[in-house]
Amino acid sequence: MSNLHLTNTLSRKKEVFKPTNIKKISLYACGPTVYDSPHVGNARSLIVFDILFRVLKSLYGSSVIYVRNITDIDDKIIEASKKDKKNISDVTKDITKIFHDNCKSLNCLEPSFEPKATEHIKEMIDMSSSLISKGFAYENQGHVYFAVNSFKDYGKLSNKNLDELKSGSRIEISNLKKNPIDFVLWKPSSKEDPGWESPWGRGRPGWHLECSVMSEKYLGKSIDIHGGGIDLIFPHHENEIAQSCCNNNTKKFANYWVHNGFVTINKEKMSKSLGNIITISEAVKKYSGQVVRLALLSAHYSQPLDWNEDLLMSQKKVLDKWYNLYSDEHSEIYLKPDETLLDDLNTPGFIAKIHELYNAAIKGDNEKKLKFNKACKLIGLFDVTKKEWENFKKNQIEISESFIKEKINERSNAKNNGDFDLADKIRDELLSKGILIEDLKGKTIWKYK
């Protein structure tokens, strides 16, 4: 397979990627809404589209333009600022910094452009005005709505008809709409909330409008690939298609739609109510960015992935082994994506091939060793040296020796009292924190795993 193949959500089948313009390959991925620290579900989308960017760059070089936006005006951000009693600009600035730190920890390449929504308000007002003048949108009491019935292809991406969509849980209910499924392009802002002057009064843009405007500005009226999490198919991406195609009189907004699957936590959906949200910052601090990256690449991007301790520890062991062959030696060997990666970004298959390269290289062949290193770096691994990797392993154990000894004493007392279940539980707890304990000649010793 010499050509890149991608599963296109729009057609629901795997297709050969054929760029519209070989000199300008366009990729847009929805970035974060900066109201709270990004979690491991967000990390998956980040890494998936980083891999796609790397593959495209290896095929087309500097012709690839990757845009990933920052949504820095949104109802969630306003709610967060009020809850934390912080200025909105401080909220967005702080979370954006955390996001950039996360990207660096996960070894994600910087996009070609990273536009912020608040820097493109004029263009958003212009698109809303244009849609009204063309009969695709209407104003009511300072609100501007897109008239969904005006776009005959609405629902094709999510594969739902209008009646199904009307009953969807993510539809905003308002008696100002002509149709319940119409979505907001612009809405009024109170004096306390962020707002900009517009032909319809002081207000702010709708979320869907932001991505259409920024995508068009940096990539043009129609693009090659648009990506995001599977949860964005409806309503966000469906609405982007409608407003962009109607405003620009184009048949397609994006030729290929690529969506990554959900991340669950121990087989449960991540949610604040369950208290099982794991932030990227927490994950990379505990396991390292490389372990997190490898774990999120261990399943095909389109499939669900379950985040659990067994997965993370197994990936850590893999990297421990692979670092035995780490090399920072430069060579003329240039490794392009093989048929595995080109086949719909099959990272599990490519990781299996890296294992094969490792087994071949362990015998001492220098050229195979370099090829193994190139393969790891192709998917964003080996971004730290072997010495840095070893130092991280030592420093990631945050529990003190006194804590370890206290746990060992608790375990000893439990065994003396015949409570072997508790003893095993304490041993497993220490093991999960990277501490291995052994009973030798009546004495318990411990060491870093």
Protein backbone atom coordinates (compact mmCIF):
# COMPACT_ATOMS: atom_id res chain seq x y z
CA MET A 1 0.00 0.00 0.00
CA SER A 2 1.73 3.16 -1.22
CA ASN A 3 -1.17 5.56 -0.67
CA LEU A 4 -2.68 6.76 2.58
CA HIS A 5 -6.13 5.31 3.27
CA LEU A 6 -8.50 6.88 5.81
CA THR A 7 -11.91 5.89 7.11
CA ASN A 8 -14.20 8.73 6.09
CA THR A 9 -17.10 9.29 8.51
CA LEU A 10 -19.04 10.97 5.71
CA SER A 11 -18.98 7.93 3.40
CA ARG A 12 -18.64 5.36 6.21
CA LYS A 13 -15.90 3.54 4.35
CA LYS A 14 -12.15 3.49 3.96
CA GLU A 15 -10.97 5.65 1.09
CA VAL A 16 -7.71 6.48 -0.68
CA PHE A 17 -6.59 9.95 0.37
CA LYS A 18 -6.45 12.20 -2.69
CA PRO A 19 -5.55 15.81 -1.85
CA THR A 20 -7.28 18.57 -3.78
CA ASN A 21 -4.01 20.45 -4.20
CA ILE A 22 -0.74 18.54 -3.84
CA LYS A 23 1.00 21.82 -2.95
CA LYS A 24 -1.37 22.58 -0.06
CA ILE A 25 -2.52 19.64 2.04
CA SER A 26 -5.05 20.98 4.55
CA LEU A 27 -5.80 19.43 7.95
CA TYR A 28 -8.05 21.00 10.59
CA ALA A 29 -8.60 19.45 14.03
CA CYS A 30 -10.84 20.87 16.73
CA GLY A 31 -8.71 22.07 19.62
CA PRO A 32 -9.57 22.58 23.30
CA THR A 33 -12.18 24.77 24.92
CA VAL A 34 -9.95 26.27 27.60
CA TYR A 35 -12.14 26.19 30.71
CA ASP A 36 -10.63 23.22 32.58
CA SER A 37 -7.49 21.08 32.49
CA PRO A 38 -7.50 18.69 29.49
CA HIS A 39 -8.09 15.02 30.34
CA VAL A 40 -6.83 11.77 28.81
CA GLY A 41 -9.83 11.65 26.46
CA ASN A 42 -8.63 14.97 25.02
CA ALA A 43 -5.11 13.53 24.85
CA ARG A 44 -6.26 10.78 22.52
CA SER A 45 -7.55 13.24 19.95
CA LEU A 46 -4.36 15.27 20.28
CA ILE A 47 -2.15 12.25 19.65
CA VAL A 48 -4.27 10.78 16.84
CA PHE A 49 -4.09 13.96 14.78
CA ASP A 50 -0.44 14.42 15.65
CA ILE A 51 0.18 10.98 14.11
CA LEU A 52 -1.85 11.96 11.04
CA PHE A 53 0.15 15.21 10.77
CA ARG A 54 3.43 13.25 11.01
CA VAL A 55 2.32 10.78 8.34
CA LEU A 56 1.16 13.55 6.00
CA LYS A 57 4.41 15.48 6.51
CA SER A 58 6.45 12.38 5.72
CA LEU A 59 4.48 11.97 2.48
CA TYR A 60 4.09 15.58 1.36
CA GLY A 61 6.69 17.53 3.33
CA SER A 62 6.19 21.24 3.94
CA SER A 63 3.03 21.30 1.78
CA VAL A 64 1.00 20.16 4.81
CA ILE A 65 -0.82 22.87 6.75
CA TYR A 66 -2.24 21.77 10.09
CA VAL A 67 -4.62 24.07 11.95
CA ARG A 68 -5.75 23.35 15.51
CA ASN A 69 -7.81 26.08 17.16
CA ILE A 70 -8.19 27.36 20.70
CA THR A 71 -11.78 28.05 21.78
CA ASP A 72 -11.33 30.87 24.29
CA ILE A 73 -14.90 32.19 24.36
CA ASP A 74 -17.66 29.79 25.39
CA ASP A 75 -20.41 29.42 28.00
CA LYS A 76 -18.32 26.82 29.85
CA ILE A 77 -15.46 29.31 30.20
CA ILE A 78 -17.83 31.97 31.54
CA GLU A 79 -19.25 29.46 34.06
CA ALA A 80 -15.73 28.43 35.16
CA SER A 81 -14.67 32.05 35.70
CA LYS A 82 -17.73 32.74 37.87
CA LYS A 83 -17.32 29.54 39.84
CA ASP A 84 -13.63 30.16 40.52
CA LYS A 85 -14.12 33.94 40.86
CA LYS A 86 -11.40 34.54 38.30
CA ASN A 87 -11.16 36.91 35.38
CA ILE A 88 -12.04 35.14 32.13
CA SER A 89 -8.74 36.11 30.51
CA ASP A 90 -6.90 34.55 33.47
CA VAL A 91 -8.91 31.33 33.11
CA THR A 92 -8.19 31.01 29.39
CA LYS A 93 -4.53 32.01 29.79
CA ASP A 94 -3.92 29.49 32.60
CA ILE A 95 -5.69 26.58 30.88
CA THR A 96 -4.03 27.34 27.52
CA LYS A 97 -0.63 27.16 29.24
CA ILE A 98 -1.54 23.80 30.80
CA PHE A 99 -2.69 22.59 27.37
CA HIS A 100 0.60 23.63 25.74
CA ASP A 101 2.57 21.95 28.54
CA ASN A 102 0.52 18.80 27.95
CA CYS A 103 1.25 18.91 24.21
CA LYS A 104 4.96 19.14 24.96
CA SER A 105 4.80 16.27 27.48
CA LEU A 106 3.04 14.08 24.91
CA ASN A 107 5.59 15.08 22.23
CA CYS A 108 2.96 16.49 19.89
CA LEU A 109 4.30 18.58 17.03
CA GLU A 110 3.21 22.21 16.96
CA PRO A 111 0.49 22.85 14.37
CA SER A 112 1.14 25.21 11.48
CA PHE A 113 -1.40 27.63 12.95
CA GLU A 114 -3.19 27.77 16.30
CA PRO A 115 -5.82 30.53 16.00
CA LYS A 116 -7.87 31.74 18.96
CA ALA A 117 -11.58 32.36 18.59
CA THR A 118 -11.46 35.80 20.22
CA GLU A 119 -8.99 36.97 17.55
CA HIS A 120 -11.56 36.33 14.77
CA ILE A 121 -14.76 37.97 16.00
CA LYS A 122 -15.01 40.33 13.00
CA GLU A 123 -14.91 37.38 10.58
CA MET A 124 -17.59 35.61 12.65
CA ILE A 125 -19.88 38.66 12.48
CA ASP A 126 -19.22 38.87 8.73
CA MET A 127 -20.15 35.21 8.16
CA SER A 128 -23.33 35.57 10.22
CA SER A 129 -24.34 38.68 8.23
CA SER A 130 -23.57 36.86 4.99
CA LEU A 131 -25.72 33.86 5.94
CA ILE A 132 -28.63 36.18 6.80
CA SER A 133 -28.33 38.02 3.48
CA LYS A 134 -28.32 34.72 1.58
CA GLY A 135 -31.44 33.46 3.37
CA PHE A 136 -29.77 30.73 5.41
CA ALA A 137 -30.02 32.49 8.78
CA TYR A 138 -32.35 34.84 10.64
CA GLU A 139 -32.23 37.23 13.61
CA ASN A 140 -34.63 37.26 16.55
CA GLN A 141 -34.16 39.49 19.62
CA GLY A 142 -30.39 39.76 19.23
CA HIS A 143 -29.97 36.05 18.45
CA VAL A 144 -28.87 34.88 15.02
CA TYR A 145 -29.90 31.33 14.10
CA PHE A 146 -28.98 29.13 11.18
CA ALA A 147 -32.12 27.76 9.48
CA VAL A 148 -31.40 24.04 9.21
CA ASN A 149 -34.23 23.42 6.73
CA SER A 150 -32.40 25.65 4.24
CA PHE A 151 -29.61 23.06 3.88
CA LYS A 152 -30.87 19.88 2.22
CA ASP A 153 -27.83 17.77 3.18
CA TYR A 154 -28.16 18.39 6.92
CA GLY A 155 -27.73 15.13 8.86
CA LYS A 156 -25.57 13.30 6.30
CA LEU A 157 -22.44 13.27 8.49
CA SER A 158 -24.25 11.92 11.55
CA ASN A 159 -26.44 9.70 9.33
CA LYS A 160 -29.64 10.91 10.96
CA ASN A 161 -32.80 12.45 9.57
CA LEU A 162 -34.25 15.70 10.90
CA ASP A 163 -36.91 13.98 13.03
CA GLU A 164 -34.21 11.96 14.82
CA LEU A 165 -32.09 15.06 15.36
CA LYS A 166 -35.01 17.01 16.84
CA SER A 167 -35.14 14.55 19.72
CA GLY A 168 -31.37 14.78 20.33
CA SER A 169 -30.24 15.66 23.84
CA ARG A 170 -27.71 18.26 22.68
CA ILE A 171 -30.29 20.54 21.01
CA GLU A 172 -30.66 23.93 22.71
CA ILE A 173 -34.33 24.62 23.45
CA SER A 174 -35.58 28.15 22.70
CA ASN A 175 -38.92 29.65 21.66
CA LEU A 176 -36.97 32.18 19.57
CA LYS A 177 -36.21 29.53 16.96
CA LYS A 178 -38.35 28.88 13.91
CA ASN A 179 -37.35 25.23 14.10
CA PRO A 180 -36.18 23.42 17.29
CA ILE A 181 -33.08 22.12 15.48
CA ASP A 182 -31.89 25.55 14.27
CA PHE A 183 -28.59 26.44 15.91
CA VAL A 184 -27.15 29.69 17.16
CA LEU A 185 -24.55 31.70 15.23
CA TRP A 186 -24.60 34.73 17.54
CA LYS A 187 -26.23 35.46 20.88
CA PRO A 188 -26.56 38.42 23.25
CA SER A 189 -24.16 38.94 26.16
CA SER A 190 -24.99 40.54 29.48
CA LYS A 191 -22.90 43.46 30.74
CA GLU A 192 -21.00 41.10 33.05
CA ASP A 193 -20.14 38.60 30.32
CA PRO A 194 -17.66 39.02 27.43
CA GLY A 195 -19.22 40.60 24.36
CA TRP A 196 -18.57 42.46 21.13
CA GLU A 197 -20.65 45.00 19.25
CA SER A 198 -22.51 43.60 16.24
CA PRO A 199 -25.41 44.57 13.93
CA TRP A 200 -27.68 42.66 16.36
CA GLY A 201 -26.39 44.26 19.55
CA ARG A 202 -23.64 43.34 21.98
CA GLY A 203 -23.04 39.60 21.96
CA ARG A 204 -20.72 36.70 21.31
CA PRO A 205 -20.37 33.92 18.71
CA GLY A 206 -21.73 30.40 18.85
CA TRP A 207 -19.25 27.55 19.17
CA HIS A 208 -19.93 26.01 15.75
CA LEU A 209 -19.36 29.29 13.92
CA GLU A 210 -15.87 29.67 15.36
CA CYS A 211 -14.35 26.62 13.68
CA SER A 212 -15.90 27.38 10.27
CA VAL A 213 -14.45 30.89 10.30
CA MET A 214 -10.96 29.88 11.45
CA SER A 215 -10.78 26.92 9.08
CA GLU A 216 -11.71 29.10 6.11
CA LYS A 217 -9.25 31.84 7.03
CA TYR A 218 -6.22 29.57 7.21
CA LEU A 219 -7.13 26.74 4.85
CA GLY A 220 -9.73 28.01 2.40
CA LYS A 221 -13.41 27.42 1.68
CA SER A 222 -13.03 23.65 1.37
CA ILE A 223 -10.35 21.49 2.96
CA ASP A 224 -8.88 18.02 2.69
CA ILE A 225 -9.30 16.61 6.21
CA HIS A 226 -11.30 17.70 9.25
CA GLY A 227 -10.84 15.77 12.48
CA GLY A 228 -12.00 15.51 16.07
CA GLY A 229 -13.48 13.21 18.66
CA ILE A 230 -16.48 11.05 17.80
CA ASP A 231 -18.60 13.15 20.17
CA LEU A 232 -18.19 16.14 17.83
CA ILE A 233 -19.93 14.53 14.84
CA PHE A 234 -23.26 15.93 16.03
CA PRO A 235 -24.00 18.71 16.46
CA HIS A 236 -20.64 20.48 16.06
CA HIS A 237 -19.31 19.06 12.80
CA GLU A 238 -22.76 18.70 11.27
CA ASN A 239 -23.33 22.40 11.91
CA GLU A 240 -19.92 23.39 10.58
CA ILE A 241 -20.74 21.68 7.28
CA ALA A 242 -24.13 23.40 6.99
CA GLN A 243 -22.96 26.96 7.65
CA SER A 244 -19.74 26.66 5.61
CA CYS A 245 -21.29 25.06 2.53
CA CYS A 246 -24.21 27.52 2.50
CA ASN A 247 -22.03 30.57 3.00
CA ASN A 248 -19.41 29.56 0.44
CA ASN A 249 -21.70 27.84 -2.08
CA THR A 250 -19.60 24.66 -1.95
CA LYS A 251 -20.77 21.05 -2.16
CA LYS A 252 -18.31 19.91 0.52
CA PHE A 253 -16.67 21.57 3.49
CA ALA A 254 -14.13 18.78 4.03
CA ASN A 255 -13.42 15.84 1.74
CA TYR A 256 -12.47 13.49 4.59
CA TRP A 257 -13.88 13.44 8.11
CA VAL A 258 -11.78 11.52 10.64
CA HIS A 259 -13.04 10.84 14.17
CA ASN A 260 -11.37 9.10 17.09
CA GLY A 261 -13.21 6.86 19.56
CA PHE A 262 -13.94 7.45 23.24
CA VAL A 263 -11.63 6.74 26.16
CA THR A 264 -13.24 4.95 29.11
CA ILE A 265 -11.81 4.55 32.61
CA ASN A 266 -11.91 0.96 33.85
CA LYS A 267 -14.81 0.28 31.44
CA GLU A 268 -16.79 3.32 32.66
CA LYS A 269 -17.43 6.58 30.85
CA MET A 270 -15.35 9.47 32.16
CA SER A 271 -17.49 11.97 34.04
CA LYS A 272 -17.12 14.48 36.85
CA SER A 273 -20.13 12.97 38.63
CA LEU A 274 -18.30 9.64 38.89
CA GLY A 275 -15.10 11.39 39.91
CA ASN A 276 -13.05 9.43 37.38
CA ILE A 277 -11.66 12.26 35.26
CA ILE A 278 -7.90 11.87 34.86
CA THR A 279 -6.13 14.96 33.56
CA ILE A 280 -3.24 14.76 31.13
CA SER A 281 -1.07 16.54 33.70
CA GLU A 282 -1.81 13.85 36.31
CA ALA A 283 -1.22 11.03 33.84
CA VAL A 284 2.14 12.24 32.52
CA LYS A 285 3.35 12.99 36.03
CA LYS A 286 2.56 9.46 37.15
CA TYR A 287 3.51 7.48 34.04
CA SER A 288 5.48 9.88 31.74
CA GLY A 289 4.30 11.40 28.48
CA GLN A 290 5.77 8.55 26.45
CA VAL A 291 3.86 5.87 28.35
CA VAL A 292 0.64 7.86 27.96
CA ARG A 293 1.32 8.32 24.24
CA LEU A 294 2.08 4.64 23.63
CA ALA A 295 -0.99 3.59 25.63
CA LEU A 296 -3.27 5.82 23.56
CA LEU A 297 -1.76 4.44 20.34
CA SER A 298 -2.22 0.83 21.44
CA ALA A 299 -5.75 0.63 20.01
CA HIS A 300 -6.91 1.75 16.57
CA TYR A 301 -7.94 5.41 16.71
CA SER A 302 -11.52 4.71 15.58
CA GLN A 303 -12.15 2.15 18.33
CA PRO A 304 -12.92 2.75 22.03
CA LEU A 305 -9.92 2.55 24.37
CA ASP A 306 -10.10 1.63 28.05
CA TRP A 307 -7.69 3.44 30.33
CA ASN A 308 -6.60 1.26 33.23
CA GLU A 309 -3.59 0.45 35.38
CA ASP A 310 -2.78 -2.79 33.52
CA LEU A 311 -2.62 -0.94 30.20
CA LEU A 312 -0.31 1.75 31.54
CA MET A 313 2.03 -0.62 33.36
CA SER A 314 2.31 -2.89 30.31
CA GLN A 315 3.25 0.09 28.12
CA LYS A 316 5.83 1.19 30.69
CA LYS A 317 7.41 -2.26 30.56
CA VAL A 318 7.52 -2.09 26.76
CA LEU A 319 9.35 1.24 26.87
CA ASP A 320 11.72 -0.05 29.57
CA LYS A 321 12.64 -2.86 27.18
CA TRP A 322 12.84 -0.68 24.08
CA TYR A 323 15.13 1.80 25.81
CA ASN A 324 17.75 -0.95 25.96
CA LEU A 325 18.27 -0.21 22.25
CA TYR A 326 17.86 3.57 22.40
CA SER A 327 20.27 5.47 20.18
CA ASP A 328 20.67 9.17 19.49
CA GLU A 329 23.01 8.41 16.61
CA HIS A 330 22.08 10.14 13.38
CA SER A 331 21.97 8.10 10.21
CA GLU A 332 20.97 8.39 6.57
CA ILE A 333 18.25 5.82 7.11
CA TYR A 334 14.95 7.62 6.48
CA LEU A 335 11.94 5.61 7.55
CA LYS A 336 8.72 6.47 5.74
CA PRO A 337 5.34 5.20 6.95
CA ASP A 338 4.91 1.62 5.78
CA GLU A 339 1.73 -0.03 4.55
CA THR A 340 0.58 -0.56 8.15
CA LEU A 341 0.48 3.11 9.09
CA LEU A 342 -0.80 4.07 5.66
CA ASP A 343 -3.70 1.68 6.18
CA ASP A 344 -5.95 4.04 8.17
CA LEU A 345 -3.23 4.90 10.71
CA ASN A 346 -3.03 1.35 12.05
CA THR A 347 -0.86 2.15 15.07
CA PRO A 348 -1.41 -1.21 16.86
CA GLY A 349 -0.10 -2.97 13.73
CA PHE A 350 2.85 -0.60 13.51
CA ILE A 351 3.69 -1.12 17.19
CA ALA A 352 3.72 -4.88 16.51
CA LYS A 353 6.25 -4.21 13.74
CA ILE A 354 8.39 -2.18 16.15
CA HIS A 355 8.47 -5.24 18.42
CA GLU A 356 9.71 -7.27 15.44
CA LEU A 357 12.38 -4.67 14.69
CA TYR A 358 13.46 -4.79 18.34
CA ASN A 359 13.79 -8.57 18.26
CA ALA A 360 15.86 -8.36 15.08
CA ALA A 361 18.03 -5.51 16.38
CA ILE A 362 18.75 -7.02 19.80
CA LYS A 363 21.16 -9.40 18.08
CA GLY A 364 23.56 -6.52 17.55
CA ASP A 365 23.04 -5.37 13.96
CA ASN A 366 23.67 -1.59 14.07
CA GLU A 367 21.63 -0.81 10.96
CA LYS A 368 18.62 -2.68 12.37
CA LYS A 369 19.09 -0.86 15.67
CA LEU A 370 18.95 2.50 13.89
CA LYS A 371 15.89 1.42 11.93
CA PHE A 372 14.22 0.42 15.20
CA ASN A 373 14.96 3.85 16.65
CA LYS A 374 13.61 5.57 13.54
CA ALA A 375 10.39 3.56 13.80
CA CYS A 376 9.91 4.62 17.43
CA LYS A 377 10.54 8.27 16.57
CA LEU A 378 8.20 8.09 13.59
CA ILE A 379 5.25 7.72 15.98
CA GLY A 380 6.61 10.26 18.45
CA LEU A 381 8.44 8.02 20.93
CA PHE A 382 12.06 8.30 22.17
CA ASP A 383 11.74 12.05 22.65
CA VAL A 384 13.95 11.84 25.75
CA THR A 385 17.36 10.19 26.11
CA LYS A 386 17.93 6.93 27.92
CA LYS A 387 19.45 8.81 30.87
CA GLU A 388 16.42 11.11 31.08
CA TRP A 389 14.11 8.08 30.92
CA GLU A 390 15.96 6.40 33.82
CA ASN A 391 15.91 9.62 35.86
CA PHE A 392 12.16 9.96 35.33
CA LYS A 393 11.60 6.43 36.57
CA LYS A 394 13.47 7.23 39.77
CA ASN A 395 11.79 10.57 40.30
CA GLN A 396 8.24 9.50 39.55
CA ILE A 397 7.98 7.67 42.87
CA GLU A 398 6.57 10.44 45.04
CA ILE A 399 5.95 8.39 48.17
CA SER A 400 8.50 8.75 50.94
CA GLU A 401 10.52 5.95 52.50
CA SER A 402 8.68 6.52 55.79
CA PHE A 403 5.36 5.92 53.98
CA ILE A 404 6.72 2.70 52.45
CA LYS A 405 8.00 1.45 55.82
CA GLU A 406 4.68 2.31 57.45
CA LYS A 407 2.84 0.25 54.82
CA ILE A 408 5.27 -2.65 55.32
CA ASN A 409 4.57 -2.56 59.08
CA GLU A 410 0.82 -2.53 58.41
CA ARG A 411 1.23 -5.54 56.15
CA SER A 412 3.32 -7.37 58.76
CA ASN A 413 0.67 -6.76 61.44
CA ALA A 414 -2.06 -7.94 59.05
CA LYS A 415 -0.15 -11.19 58.39
CA ASN A 416 0.43 -11.73 62.12
CA ASN A 417 -3.31 -11.31 62.67
CA GLY A 418 -4.09 -13.78 59.91
CA ASP A 419 -5.61 -11.10 57.66
CA PHE A 420 -3.87 -12.19 54.49
CA ASP A 421 -6.38 -10.42 52.24
CA LEU A 422 -5.38 -7.07 53.76
CA ALA A 423 -1.70 -8.02 53.48
CA ASP A 424 -2.14 -8.74 49.77
CA LYS A 425 -4.06 -5.49 49.31
CA ILE A 426 -1.22 -3.46 50.86
CA ARG A 427 1.34 -5.29 48.69
CA ASP A 428 -0.71 -4.53 45.57
CA GLU A 429 -1.11 -0.89 46.59
CA LEU A 430 2.66 -0.48 46.87
CA LEU A 431 3.13 -2.32 43.58
CA SER A 432 0.75 0.09 41.83
CA LYS A 433 2.98 2.94 43.06
CA GLY A 434 6.09 1.30 41.63
CA ILE A 435 7.33 -0.34 44.84
CA LEU A 436 8.12 -4.06 44.84
CA ILE A 437 8.31 -5.82 48.21
CA GLU A 438 9.81 -9.25 48.93
CA ASP A 439 9.85 -11.42 52.03
CA LEU A 440 13.35 -12.80 52.58
CA LYS A 441 14.50 -14.72 55.69
CA GLY A 442 11.81 -13.31 57.91
CA LYS A 443 12.40 -9.75 56.74
CA THR A 444 10.56 -7.62 54.18
CA ILE A 445 12.67 -5.65 51.74
CA TRP A 446 11.51 -3.17 49.12
CA LYS A 447 12.86 -1.76 45.88
CA TYR A 448 11.75 0.30 42.91
CA LYS A 449 10.05 -1.85 40.31
